[in-house]
Amino acid sequence: MDFKFICILFILFFVYSFIGWCMEVVVTLYTTKKLVNRGFLVGPICPIYGFGGTLMALTLSRYSDDPFVVFGMAILICTVLEYFTSYIMEKMFKARWWDYSDHKFNLNGRVCLENIIAFGVLALAMIYFIYPILSNFFDSFNEKLIYIISAILFVVGLSDLILSYTTISGFKKIVTSNVKQDNTEEITKRVRKALQSKTGFIGHLYKRLVSSYATWQASESLIVSIPKRVIEAATKVSNAAIDTVNKTTKAINENVNKTGEAINRNIKKVNKEITKSLNNRKKK
């Protein structure tokens, strides 16, 4: 295992963390109609996805010939990782970033059956598609560029970790009610408020970031309304299509009826002529 490969794995850690963050935000947006920073860190990453993805890439790639083994081992890895991450973070901060107590077949609200099955499916996608593509992509970079990207990500990630940890640790009481619930939204609000009150470089940087996204709430409303607008537009198009089909069908039926009536009249006329001709022959 050379140093370049280690750096590529480090970069993939951040890629998986970002993908996981995006998935969490989209799922939360769909279920709660709110944009929430789903993660411990201030930045747009969920490290648990980075650890899980990197760990599976290292351990499960050798079993890629048997997808059932990959699926089963992925479920085991994700279950252990998610359970103990939840346990450790709750012990450290007296809060939970996820809670599955209202899901069937859950274990202390930390893991649940439907999630670990979903993670197993994601692991299959990662081992057979995502990891090979990303690995080959970054492997095509020259070593110097890989080292530079890794160094930048290391500095940014470490800074975010220190900032997030010190900010959250400074809360005297994060949870306002029962610890056994998802406190992510409450934590996010408190972190945002704490960072806004900071002075110096950190406070200035955060305020600049916030001001750069001044339309966040408007964007949130827009994103939340997109599914509704799409459904309304699709309904209008569907109704218009149904009306067109009905009108076309009606017109076709009318034309068919008219054509049928004309054919029947012609047939009767021909039969009448034939009958008349036969009668004339008999008389002769």
Protein backbone atom coordinates (compact mmCIF):
# COMPACT_ATOMS: atom_id res chain seq x y z
CA MET A 1 0.00 0.00 0.00
CA ASP A 2 1.85 3.13 -1.23
CA PHE A 3 1.42 6.65 0.06
CA LYS A 4 -0.53 7.79 -3.02
CA PHE A 5 -3.11 5.07 -2.42
CA ILE A 6 -3.45 6.17 1.22
CA CYS A 7 -4.00 9.76 0.06
CA ILE A 8 -6.63 8.60 -2.44
CA LEU A 9 -8.45 6.77 0.36
CA PHE A 10 -8.27 9.95 2.43
CA ILE A 11 -9.83 11.95 -0.42
CA LEU A 12 -12.49 9.27 -0.88
CA PHE A 13 -13.27 9.59 2.84
CA PHE A 14 -14.33 13.19 2.23
CA VAL A 15 -16.18 12.28 -0.97
CA TYR A 16 -18.20 9.59 0.83
CA SER A 17 -18.79 11.98 3.74
CA PHE A 18 -20.16 14.62 1.38
CA ILE A 19 -22.35 12.11 -0.47
CA GLY A 20 -23.71 10.89 2.87
CA TRP A 21 -24.41 14.46 3.98
CA CYS A 22 -26.32 15.13 0.75
CA MET A 23 -28.38 11.96 1.22
CA GLU A 24 -29.20 12.87 4.82
CA VAL A 25 -30.22 16.43 3.89
CA VAL A 26 -32.43 15.22 1.02
CA VAL A 27 -34.16 12.58 3.18
CA THR A 28 -34.73 15.12 5.98
CA LEU A 29 -36.04 17.66 3.49
CA TYR A 30 -38.47 15.08 2.11
CA THR A 31 -39.73 13.95 5.53
CA THR A 32 -39.76 17.25 7.47
CA LYS A 33 -39.83 19.86 4.67
CA LYS A 34 -36.85 21.54 6.34
CA LEU A 35 -33.22 22.00 5.34
CA VAL A 36 -31.14 20.79 8.28
CA ASN A 37 -27.35 20.37 8.50
CA ARG A 38 -27.31 16.62 9.12
CA GLY A 39 -23.95 16.15 10.71
CA PHE A 40 -21.69 16.75 13.68
CA LEU A 41 -19.38 19.07 11.74
CA VAL A 42 -20.19 22.60 10.59
CA GLY A 43 -19.21 21.78 7.01
CA PRO A 44 -21.28 19.71 4.56
CA ILE A 45 -19.93 16.29 5.52
CA CYS A 46 -21.05 13.32 7.62
CA PRO A 47 -17.85 11.54 8.72
CA ILE A 48 -19.67 8.32 9.60
CA TYR A 49 -20.34 7.80 5.89
CA GLY A 50 -16.69 8.52 5.15
CA PHE A 51 -15.51 5.96 7.72
CA GLY A 52 -18.08 3.41 6.57
CA GLY A 53 -17.33 3.85 2.87
CA THR A 54 -13.56 3.75 3.32
CA LEU A 55 -13.72 0.76 5.67
CA MET A 56 -15.91 -1.19 3.25
CA ALA A 57 -13.66 -0.30 0.31
CA LEU A 58 -10.68 -1.75 2.21
CA THR A 59 -12.39 -4.86 3.56
CA LEU A 60 -15.09 -5.85 1.06
CA SER A 61 -13.41 -5.29 -2.31
CA ARG A 62 -11.70 -8.67 -2.03
CA TYR A 63 -15.13 -10.34 -1.81
CA SER A 64 -16.55 -8.62 -4.88
CA ASP A 65 -17.02 -12.01 -6.60
CA ASP A 66 -19.84 -12.80 -4.15
CA PRO A 67 -22.42 -10.00 -3.76
CA PHE A 68 -24.23 -11.89 -0.98
CA VAL A 69 -21.08 -11.88 1.14
CA VAL A 70 -20.58 -8.17 0.40
CA PHE A 71 -24.18 -7.44 1.38
CA GLY A 72 -24.00 -9.44 4.63
CA MET A 73 -20.64 -8.06 5.73
CA ALA A 74 -21.72 -4.51 4.86
CA ILE A 75 -24.75 -4.88 7.11
CA LEU A 76 -22.52 -6.10 9.94
CA ILE A 77 -19.99 -3.26 9.49
CA CYS A 78 -22.66 -0.56 9.23
CA THR A 79 -24.57 -1.89 12.25
CA VAL A 80 -21.49 -1.91 14.49
CA LEU A 81 -20.25 1.47 13.21
CA GLU A 82 -23.62 3.23 13.53
CA TYR A 83 -24.41 1.79 16.95
CA PHE A 84 -21.11 2.63 18.60
CA THR A 85 -20.88 6.05 16.92
CA SER A 86 -24.29 6.91 18.35
CA TYR A 87 -23.31 5.56 21.77
CA ILE A 88 -19.98 7.43 21.96
CA MET A 89 -21.41 10.74 20.73
CA GLU A 90 -24.30 10.53 23.18
CA LYS A 91 -21.90 9.89 26.05
CA MET A 92 -19.69 12.80 24.98
CA PHE A 93 -22.34 15.42 24.21
CA LYS A 94 -25.54 14.14 25.90
CA ALA A 95 -27.32 14.34 22.56
CA ARG A 96 -28.26 12.19 19.59
CA TRP A 97 -27.76 12.98 15.92
CA TRP A 98 -30.23 10.25 14.94
CA ASP A 99 -32.85 8.16 16.71
CA TYR A 100 -34.84 5.20 15.39
CA SER A 101 -37.01 4.57 18.45
CA ASP A 102 -40.18 4.96 16.37
CA HIS A 103 -38.95 2.44 13.76
CA LYS A 104 -39.71 -1.27 13.91
CA PHE A 105 -36.93 -3.70 14.80
CA ASN A 106 -34.64 -1.06 16.28
CA LEU A 107 -31.88 -1.59 18.85
CA ASN A 108 -31.99 1.10 21.55
CA GLY A 109 -32.96 3.61 18.88
CA ARG A 110 -29.40 3.55 17.51
CA VAL A 111 -29.85 1.16 14.59
CA CYS A 112 -32.91 -0.28 12.84
CA LEU A 113 -33.54 -3.04 10.33
CA GLU A 114 -34.69 -0.90 7.40
CA ASN A 115 -31.63 1.35 7.62
CA ILE A 116 -29.05 -1.43 7.77
CA ILE A 117 -30.70 -3.11 4.77
CA ALA A 118 -30.52 0.21 2.92
CA PHE A 119 -26.85 0.50 3.88
CA GLY A 120 -26.28 -3.01 2.55
CA VAL A 121 -27.75 -2.01 -0.81
CA LEU A 122 -25.65 1.17 -0.80
CA ALA A 123 -22.58 -0.95 -0.09
CA LEU A 124 -23.29 -3.03 -3.21
CA ALA A 125 -23.53 0.15 -5.28
CA MET A 126 -20.31 1.43 -3.75
CA ILE A 127 -18.24 -1.73 -4.19
CA TYR A 128 -19.38 -2.44 -7.76
CA PHE A 129 -19.81 1.08 -9.15
CA ILE A 130 -18.84 4.09 -7.02
CA TYR A 131 -15.51 2.93 -5.59
CA PRO A 132 -14.05 1.58 -8.88
CA ILE A 133 -15.04 4.74 -10.76
CA LEU A 134 -13.75 7.20 -8.13
CA SER A 135 -10.64 5.16 -7.43
CA ASN A 136 -9.66 5.03 -11.10
CA PHE A 137 -10.52 8.72 -11.49
CA PHE A 138 -8.23 9.89 -8.68
CA ASP A 139 -5.57 7.32 -9.59
CA SER A 140 -5.23 9.07 -12.95
CA PHE A 141 -4.05 12.25 -11.15
CA ASN A 142 -0.33 12.78 -10.73
CA GLU A 143 1.07 12.24 -7.24
CA LYS A 144 1.82 15.90 -6.54
CA LEU A 145 -1.81 16.93 -7.20
CA ILE A 146 -3.10 14.09 -5.00
CA TYR A 147 -0.81 15.23 -2.16
CA ILE A 148 -1.95 18.85 -2.52
CA ILE A 149 -5.65 17.90 -2.46
CA SER A 150 -5.06 15.65 0.56
CA ALA A 151 -3.20 18.40 2.43
CA ILE A 152 -5.95 20.94 1.77
CA LEU A 153 -8.67 18.52 2.87
CA PHE A 154 -6.66 17.64 5.99
CA VAL A 155 -6.34 21.30 7.03
CA VAL A 156 -9.98 22.09 6.26
CA GLY A 157 -11.25 18.92 7.93
CA LEU A 158 -9.12 19.36 11.06
CA SER A 159 -10.17 23.01 11.38
CA ASP A 160 -13.83 22.05 11.03
CA LEU A 161 -13.43 19.26 13.59
CA ILE A 162 -11.79 21.57 16.16
CA LEU A 163 -14.34 24.34 15.55
CA SER A 164 -17.32 21.95 15.75
CA TYR A 165 -16.04 20.15 18.84
CA THR A 166 -15.22 23.32 20.79
CA THR A 167 -18.51 24.93 19.83
CA ILE A 168 -20.70 21.97 20.77
CA SER A 169 -18.68 21.20 23.91
CA GLY A 170 -19.28 24.78 25.05
CA PHE A 171 -23.01 24.21 25.37
CA LYS A 172 -24.01 23.80 29.00
CA LYS A 173 -27.08 21.87 27.99
CA ILE A 174 -27.74 20.87 24.42
CA VAL A 175 -30.85 18.84 24.95
CA THR A 176 -33.93 20.60 26.22
CA SER A 177 -35.97 17.44 26.69
CA ASN A 178 -35.37 13.69 26.59
CA VAL A 179 -31.92 12.60 25.35
CA LYS A 180 -33.50 9.74 23.45
CA GLN A 181 -34.56 11.73 20.42
CA ASP A 182 -32.99 13.23 17.31
CA ASN A 183 -31.43 16.51 18.47
CA THR A 184 -29.75 17.43 15.17
CA GLU A 185 -31.98 20.40 14.35
CA GLU A 186 -31.64 21.85 17.86
CA ILE A 187 -27.86 21.39 17.79
CA THR A 188 -27.64 23.02 14.35
CA LYS A 189 -29.53 26.08 15.58
CA ARG A 190 -27.29 26.40 18.63
CA VAL A 191 -24.12 25.97 16.59
CA ARG A 192 -25.31 28.63 14.15
CA LYS A 193 -26.12 31.01 16.98
CA ALA A 194 -22.79 30.35 18.71
CA LEU A 195 -20.79 30.96 15.54
CA GLN A 196 -22.67 34.16 14.77
CA SER A 197 -21.74 35.52 18.21
CA LYS A 198 -18.03 34.77 17.76
CA THR A 199 -15.57 37.57 17.04
CA GLY A 200 -12.27 37.47 15.23
CA PHE A 201 -11.43 35.43 12.15
CA ILE A 202 -13.87 32.57 12.83
CA GLY A 203 -16.80 34.87 13.42
CA HIS A 204 -15.93 36.99 10.39
CA LEU A 205 -15.57 33.92 8.18
CA TYR A 206 -18.87 32.43 9.31
CA LYS A 207 -20.73 35.72 8.82
CA ARG A 208 -19.27 36.01 5.33
CA LEU A 209 -20.50 32.49 4.56
CA VAL A 210 -23.94 33.28 5.94
CA SER A 211 -24.16 36.50 3.96
CA SER A 212 -23.13 34.61 0.83
CA TYR A 213 -26.24 32.46 1.33
CA ALA A 214 -28.65 35.19 2.30
CA THR A 215 -31.34 33.57 0.18
CA TRP A 216 -31.16 30.31 2.16
CA GLN A 217 -34.70 30.54 3.53
CA ALA A 218 -36.05 31.57 0.15
CA SER A 219 -34.18 28.67 -1.41
CA GLU A 220 -35.57 26.36 1.25
CA SER A 221 -39.14 27.47 0.47
CA LEU A 222 -38.44 27.10 -3.22
CA ILE A 223 -36.97 23.60 -2.83
CA VAL A 224 -39.83 22.49 -0.59
CA SER A 225 -42.38 23.82 -3.10
CA ILE A 226 -40.71 22.16 -6.09
CA PRO A 227 -42.36 18.72 -5.61
CA LYS A 228 -45.76 20.40 -5.23
CA ARG A 229 -45.22 22.48 -8.36
CA VAL A 230 -44.04 19.47 -10.32
CA ILE A 231 -47.11 17.50 -9.23
CA GLU A 232 -49.43 20.39 -10.16
CA ALA A 233 -47.77 20.79 -13.55
CA ALA A 234 -47.86 17.05 -14.16
CA THR A 235 -51.55 16.97 -13.19
CA LYS A 236 -52.36 19.78 -15.62
CA VAL A 237 -50.45 18.08 -18.42
CA SER A 238 -52.11 14.76 -17.59
CA ASN A 239 -55.58 16.31 -17.56
CA ALA A 240 -54.91 18.08 -20.85
CA ALA A 241 -53.66 14.84 -22.36
CA ILE A 242 -56.72 12.96 -21.09
CA ASP A 243 -59.04 15.64 -22.55
CA THR A 244 -57.23 15.45 -25.89
CA VAL A 245 -57.42 11.67 -25.91
CA ASN A 246 -61.13 11.76 -25.02
CA LYS A 247 -61.88 14.30 -27.76
CA THR A 248 -59.84 12.34 -30.29
CA THR A 249 -61.55 9.10 -29.28
CA LYS A 250 -64.95 10.72 -29.56
CA ALA A 251 -64.13 12.11 -33.00
CA ILE A 252 -62.82 8.73 -34.15
CA ASN A 253 -65.93 6.97 -32.85
CA GLU A 254 -68.15 9.47 -34.64
CA ASN A 255 -66.24 9.02 -37.88
CA VAL A 256 -66.33 5.25 -37.50
CA ASN A 257 -70.08 5.34 -36.87
CA LYS A 258 -70.65 7.58 -39.87
CA THR A 259 -68.46 5.40 -42.05
CA GLY A 260 -70.22 2.29 -40.78
CA GLU A 261 -73.62 3.77 -41.52
CA ALA A 262 -72.52 4.73 -45.04
CA ILE A 263 -71.16 1.24 -45.64
CA ASN A 264 -74.41 -0.31 -44.39
CA ARG A 265 -76.42 1.91 -46.72
CA ASN A 266 -74.23 0.96 -49.66
CA ILE A 267 -74.47 -2.73 -48.77
CA LYS A 268 -78.26 -2.49 -48.57
CA LYS A 269 -78.32 -0.66 -51.89
CA VAL A 270 -76.12 -3.27 -53.54
CA ASN A 271 -78.22 -6.11 -52.06
CA LYS A 272 -81.33 -4.42 -53.35
CA GLU A 273 -79.85 -4.10 -56.85
CA ILE A 274 -78.72 -7.73 -56.79
CA THR A 275 -82.17 -8.89 -55.65
CA LYS A 276 -83.85 -6.79 -58.34
CA SER A 277 -81.52 -8.22 -61.01
CA LEU A 278 -82.22 -11.80 -59.90
CA ASN A 279 -85.97 -11.21 -59.95
CA ASN A 280 -85.80 -9.82 -63.48
CA ARG A 281 -83.92 -12.91 -64.65
CA LYS A 282 -86.53 -15.22 -63.15
CA LYS A 283 -89.33 -13.39 -64.95
CA LYS A 284 -87.54 -13.91 -68.26
